Amino acid sequence: MIGKISKGQGFSPTLNYVMQKDGAQPLGGNVAGQSPAEIASEMQTIAQQNQRCAKPVLHVSLSVPPGQRLTDDQWRQAADRWMREMKIDPDRHQHVIVRHTDAQHDHIHIVINRVNSQTLAVASDQNDRRRSMTAVRQIEKELGLSAVSDSEKGRRAAMRQAIFESTRESKGDFNRFAAALQKRGIDVKLNQASTSKVTGISYQQPGQAPVKGSDLGKSYGWAGLSARLQKSADFAAAQQARAIKKLLPGRRLLPIPRLSIISLVKSLTR
């Protein structure tokens, strides 16, 4: 099982994504509202009573490897155990549990209000990722699940290295990046919303399930990759400027236009 956590300021965007995505199936929670807007308002009413908590939204996803599936009751048990292991009382912290059935890997999302509805204390985020890993291992034992194998960890590590090397070779050009990655046996797929705006990126090796960039790490998702490509473009432009300067000693150079990543990102994220 893999657990991912993130924190944020607004409940509405997270709830809209979790509850309105195709294949979303509510499994439980302790809120009265039914719609994302109603639940967001309900949670915000509690959160705003503690002005010191800048990020009251806790978004958790728990997933099992492709080929494994849990029942609805098992997922509810996993969500409850995760919260209790993280010292988040499921009875005092507003939360919703939603199962997503659109992906090849079975998973749930938990949206939690970090502000306790009775005491208004904030759930601690100290060492939260390490504690989450411990909680996930405990869930695996209780449900008899297999841990993420060393071979899978190795495959993902190799994929990260291939992405890093391809980014350096790209000189900031996305098409070059995709071609370099393909030479290494990895295909790239951009995920687009109905507005054509890019919302994510995934990578796939032959015979393997696609892996979301965000599952590899923050810097491998679309936003992180865009930043990496921009750095590569800036470095390539600086190299070009130095090369030209050697050929034209004593001449002041005009700024060299940045490479295609800027125009690409702007066009895809409008």
Protein backbone atom coordinates (compact mmCIF):
# COMPACT_ATOMS: atom_id res chain seq x y z
CA MET A 1 0.00 0.00 0.00
CA ILE A 2 1.11 3.54 -0.75
CA GLY A 3 0.02 6.58 1.26
CA LYS A 4 0.31 10.16 0.02
CA ILE A 5 -0.53 13.27 2.02
CA SER A 6 -0.77 16.96 1.24
CA LYS A 7 -2.05 20.05 3.03
CA GLY A 8 -3.88 23.08 1.67
CA GLN A 9 -5.86 26.20 2.47
CA GLY A 10 -9.19 25.72 0.70
CA PHE A 11 -11.58 22.80 1.08
CA SER A 12 -13.58 23.40 -2.11
CA PRO A 13 -10.93 22.58 -4.76
CA THR A 14 -9.93 19.35 -3.03
CA LEU A 15 -13.51 18.23 -2.40
CA ASN A 16 -14.53 19.07 -5.96
CA TYR A 17 -11.75 16.89 -7.35
CA VAL A 18 -12.26 14.01 -4.95
CA MET A 19 -16.06 13.87 -5.13
CA GLN A 20 -16.81 14.89 -8.70
CA LYS A 21 -14.26 12.84 -10.61
CA ASP A 22 -15.69 10.12 -12.85
CA GLY A 23 -15.99 6.90 -10.90
CA ALA A 24 -16.02 8.60 -7.47
CA GLN A 25 -17.85 6.53 -4.86
CA PRO A 26 -18.46 8.00 -1.37
CA LEU A 27 -17.68 5.46 1.37
CA GLY A 28 -18.21 7.39 4.56
CA GLY A 29 -17.35 10.30 6.79
CA ASN A 30 -18.88 12.29 9.61
CA VAL A 31 -20.29 15.38 7.90
CA ALA A 32 -23.93 16.34 7.32
CA GLY A 33 -23.46 17.89 3.88
CA GLN A 34 -23.92 15.90 0.69
CA SER A 35 -22.37 18.08 -2.02
CA PRO A 36 -18.76 19.34 -2.16
CA ALA A 37 -20.01 22.90 -1.58
CA GLU A 38 -22.04 21.93 1.48
CA ILE A 39 -19.20 19.91 3.00
CA ALA A 40 -16.64 22.65 2.29
CA SER A 41 -18.85 25.21 4.04
CA GLU A 42 -19.33 22.87 6.99
CA MET A 43 -15.60 22.29 7.36
CA GLN A 44 -14.72 25.94 6.85
CA THR A 45 -17.08 26.95 9.66
CA ILE A 46 -14.94 24.94 12.07
CA ALA A 47 -11.56 25.76 10.53
CA GLN A 48 -12.05 29.53 10.64
CA GLN A 49 -12.42 29.37 14.41
CA ASN A 50 -8.69 28.68 14.64
CA GLN A 51 -6.98 31.52 12.80
CA ARG A 52 -3.53 30.12 13.55
CA CYS A 53 -4.07 27.17 11.22
CA ALA A 54 -3.09 28.43 7.76
CA LYS A 55 -3.59 25.04 6.08
CA PRO A 56 -6.57 23.24 7.61
CA VAL A 57 -7.08 20.86 4.66
CA LEU A 58 -5.46 17.43 4.90
CA HIS A 59 -5.78 15.36 1.71
CA VAL A 60 -4.79 11.71 1.96
CA SER A 61 -4.75 9.02 -0.71
CA LEU A 62 -4.23 5.34 0.05
CA SER A 63 -3.68 2.91 -2.83
CA VAL A 64 -2.85 -0.74 -3.35
CA PRO A 65 -0.70 -2.08 -6.22
CA PRO A 66 -2.34 -3.09 -9.52
CA GLY A 67 -3.92 -6.52 -9.17
CA GLN A 68 -4.94 -6.02 -5.54
CA ARG A 69 -8.42 -4.84 -4.53
CA LEU A 70 -10.12 -4.13 -1.23
CA THR A 71 -13.79 -4.25 -0.34
CA ASP A 72 -15.60 -1.07 0.68
CA ASP A 73 -15.52 -2.21 4.32
CA GLN A 74 -11.78 -2.86 4.13
CA TRP A 75 -11.20 0.62 2.75
CA ARG A 76 -13.29 2.11 5.56
CA GLN A 77 -11.21 0.13 8.04
CA ALA A 78 -8.00 1.35 6.38
CA ALA A 79 -9.13 4.99 6.54
CA ASP A 80 -10.12 4.70 10.20
CA ARG A 81 -6.85 2.99 11.12
CA TRP A 82 -4.77 5.57 9.23
CA MET A 83 -6.43 8.46 11.05
CA ARG A 84 -6.05 6.85 14.47
CA GLU A 85 -2.39 5.97 13.83
CA MET A 86 -1.85 9.64 12.90
CA LYS A 87 -3.50 10.74 16.18
CA ILE A 88 -6.48 12.21 14.31
CA ASP A 89 -9.71 11.28 16.09
CA PRO A 90 -12.24 10.24 13.41
CA ASP A 91 -15.07 11.30 15.72
CA ARG A 92 -13.75 14.81 16.29
CA HIS A 93 -12.18 15.71 12.96
CA GLN A 94 -14.58 16.24 10.06
CA HIS A 95 -13.72 13.99 7.13
CA VAL A 96 -15.04 12.27 4.03
CA ILE A 97 -13.85 9.03 2.43
CA VAL A 98 -14.22 8.57 -1.33
CA ARG A 99 -13.21 5.61 -3.46
CA HIS A 100 -12.00 6.22 -7.03
CA THR A 101 -12.75 3.43 -9.48
CA ASP A 102 -11.41 5.00 -12.68
CA ALA A 103 -7.75 3.97 -12.31
CA GLN A 104 -5.99 0.63 -12.68
CA HIS A 105 -4.85 0.78 -9.06
CA ASP A 106 -7.54 0.59 -6.39
CA HIS A 107 -7.44 3.64 -4.11
CA ILE A 108 -9.33 5.99 -1.82
CA HIS A 109 -9.11 9.66 -0.91
CA ILE A 110 -9.70 11.07 2.57
CA VAL A 111 -10.31 14.79 3.00
CA ILE A 112 -9.85 15.81 6.64
CA ASN A 113 -10.31 19.02 8.58
CA ARG A 114 -7.15 19.34 10.68
CA VAL A 115 -9.03 21.52 13.19
CA ASN A 116 -10.72 19.47 15.91
CA SER A 117 -14.45 20.25 15.88
CA GLN A 118 -14.68 20.17 19.69
CA THR A 119 -11.38 21.51 21.01
CA LEU A 120 -10.35 23.54 17.91
CA ALA A 121 -6.84 22.14 18.33
CA VAL A 122 -4.91 21.43 15.12
CA ALA A 123 -3.75 17.93 14.24
CA SER A 124 0.05 17.87 14.30
CA ASP A 125 1.91 17.57 11.01
CA GLN A 126 5.30 16.94 12.63
CA ASN A 127 7.06 14.07 10.84
CA ASP A 128 3.75 13.37 9.14
CA ARG A 129 5.20 11.51 6.16
CA ARG A 130 7.26 9.21 8.33
CA ARG A 131 4.28 8.57 10.60
CA SER A 132 2.09 7.95 7.55
CA MET A 133 4.49 5.26 6.34
CA THR A 134 4.27 3.59 9.74
CA ALA A 135 0.47 3.77 9.61
CA VAL A 136 0.42 2.22 6.14
CA ARG A 137 2.62 -0.67 7.27
CA GLN A 138 0.19 -1.28 10.15
CA ILE A 139 -2.77 -1.32 7.75
CA GLU A 140 -0.96 -3.81 5.52
CA LYS A 141 -0.52 -6.16 8.47
CA GLU A 142 -4.14 -5.87 9.58
CA LEU A 143 -5.57 -6.45 6.11
CA GLY A 144 -3.01 -9.01 5.00
CA LEU A 145 -1.73 -6.86 2.14
CA SER A 146 1.64 -7.15 0.47
CA ALA A 147 3.99 -4.22 0.88
CA VAL A 148 5.30 -2.38 -2.16
CA SER A 149 8.02 -4.71 -3.41
CA ASP A 150 11.69 -3.83 -3.64
CA SER A 151 11.48 -4.49 -7.39
CA GLU A 152 8.73 -1.87 -7.74
CA LYS A 153 10.77 0.61 -5.73
CA GLY A 154 13.75 -0.10 -7.99
CA ARG A 155 11.63 0.36 -11.11
CA ARG A 156 10.44 3.75 -9.93
CA ALA A 157 13.96 4.81 -8.96
CA ALA A 158 15.15 3.91 -12.48
CA MET A 159 12.25 5.86 -13.95
CA ARG A 160 13.18 8.95 -11.94
CA GLN A 161 16.78 8.69 -13.16
CA ALA A 162 15.62 8.37 -16.77
CA ILE A 163 13.42 11.47 -16.40
CA PHE A 164 16.32 13.40 -14.87
CA GLU A 165 18.69 12.45 -17.70
CA SER A 166 16.10 13.18 -20.39
CA THR A 167 15.43 16.60 -18.89
CA ARG A 168 19.12 17.48 -19.13
CA GLU A 169 19.24 16.35 -22.76
CA SER A 170 16.08 18.25 -23.71
CA LYS A 171 17.57 21.77 -23.43
CA GLY A 172 14.11 22.87 -22.33
CA ASP A 173 12.22 21.44 -25.32
CA PHE A 174 9.32 19.16 -24.35
CA ASN A 175 9.39 17.19 -27.61
CA ARG A 176 13.10 16.48 -27.13
CA PHE A 177 12.37 15.42 -23.58
CA ALA A 178 9.66 12.99 -24.68
CA ALA A 179 11.89 11.58 -27.44
CA ALA A 180 14.83 11.11 -25.06
CA LEU A 181 12.58 9.36 -22.58
CA GLN A 182 11.13 7.12 -25.29
CA LYS A 183 14.65 6.00 -26.21
CA ARG A 184 14.89 4.80 -22.63
CA GLY A 185 11.71 2.77 -23.01
CA ILE A 186 9.31 5.18 -21.31
CA ASP A 187 6.28 6.79 -22.97
CA VAL A 188 4.83 10.10 -21.81
CA LYS A 189 1.15 10.96 -21.61
CA LEU A 190 -0.25 14.40 -20.79
CA ASN A 191 -3.57 14.49 -18.96
CA GLN A 192 -5.84 17.29 -20.16
CA ALA A 193 -9.08 18.72 -18.83
CA SER A 194 -12.07 19.45 -21.07
CA THR A 195 -10.65 22.97 -21.49
CA SER A 196 -7.46 21.41 -22.99
CA LYS A 197 -5.48 22.66 -19.99
CA VAL A 198 -2.82 20.17 -18.91
CA THR A 199 -3.62 18.83 -15.44
CA GLY A 200 -0.98 16.15 -15.07
CA ILE A 201 1.54 13.83 -16.66
CA SER A 202 2.09 10.08 -16.48
CA TYR A 203 4.89 7.75 -17.57
CA GLN A 204 4.56 4.19 -18.84
CA GLN A 205 6.94 1.34 -19.60
CA PRO A 206 5.96 -1.55 -21.91
CA GLY A 207 3.78 -4.10 -20.15
CA GLN A 208 3.48 -1.95 -17.02
CA ALA A 209 0.67 0.18 -15.63
CA PRO A 210 1.16 3.93 -16.15
CA VAL A 211 2.64 5.84 -13.23
CA LYS A 212 1.45 9.35 -12.41
CA GLY A 213 4.26 11.86 -12.21
CA SER A 214 3.09 12.99 -8.79
CA ASP A 215 3.45 9.39 -7.55
CA LEU A 216 7.16 9.56 -8.37
CA GLY A 217 7.58 12.79 -6.44
CA LYS A 218 6.60 16.45 -6.54
CA SER A 219 9.26 17.38 -9.09
CA TYR A 220 8.10 14.70 -11.54
CA GLY A 221 4.50 15.92 -11.88
CA TRP A 222 3.52 18.45 -14.55
CA ALA A 223 4.34 21.56 -12.50
CA GLY A 224 7.64 20.11 -11.32
CA LEU A 225 8.61 18.93 -14.79
CA SER A 226 7.81 22.34 -16.27
CA ALA A 227 10.15 23.94 -13.74
CA ARG A 228 12.87 21.38 -14.56
CA LEU A 229 12.55 22.03 -18.29
CA GLN A 230 12.72 25.77 -17.70
CA LYS A 231 15.97 25.36 -15.78
CA SER A 232 17.32 23.24 -18.62
CA ALA A 233 16.29 25.94 -21.12
CA ASP A 234 17.97 28.67 -19.06
CA PHE A 235 21.15 26.61 -18.79
CA ALA A 236 21.18 25.94 -22.55
CA ALA A 237 20.65 29.64 -23.28
CA ALA A 238 23.51 30.57 -20.95
CA GLN A 239 25.80 28.05 -22.66
CA GLN A 240 24.85 29.47 -26.04
CA ALA A 241 25.56 33.00 -24.85
CA ARG A 242 29.01 32.02 -23.57
CA ALA A 243 29.84 30.27 -26.84
CA ILE A 244 28.86 33.30 -28.91
CA LYS A 245 30.77 35.64 -26.61
CA LYS A 246 33.96 33.69 -27.24
CA LEU A 247 33.47 34.20 -30.97
CA LEU A 248 32.70 37.90 -30.58
CA PRO A 249 35.15 39.29 -28.00
CA GLY A 250 34.36 42.78 -26.79
CA ARG A 251 30.86 42.81 -28.27
CA ARG A 252 27.79 43.33 -26.08
CA LEU A 253 25.24 40.57 -26.72
CA LEU A 254 21.51 41.05 -26.91
CA PRO A 255 19.48 38.76 -24.63
CA ILE A 256 18.89 35.35 -26.22
CA PRO A 257 15.22 34.34 -26.28
CA ARG A 258 14.35 31.52 -23.92
CA LEU A 259 13.58 28.20 -25.53
CA SER A 260 10.24 26.64 -26.26
CA ILE A 261 9.25 25.50 -22.78
CA ILE A 262 7.85 28.95 -21.89
CA SER A 263 5.53 29.14 -24.87
CA LEU A 264 4.60 25.48 -24.44
CA VAL A 265 3.64 25.83 -20.79
CA LYS A 266 1.70 29.04 -21.43
CA SER A 267 -0.25 27.49 -24.28
CA LEU A 268 -1.09 24.33 -22.35
CA THR A 269 -2.02 25.95 -19.05
CA ARG A 270 -4.33 28.70 -20.27
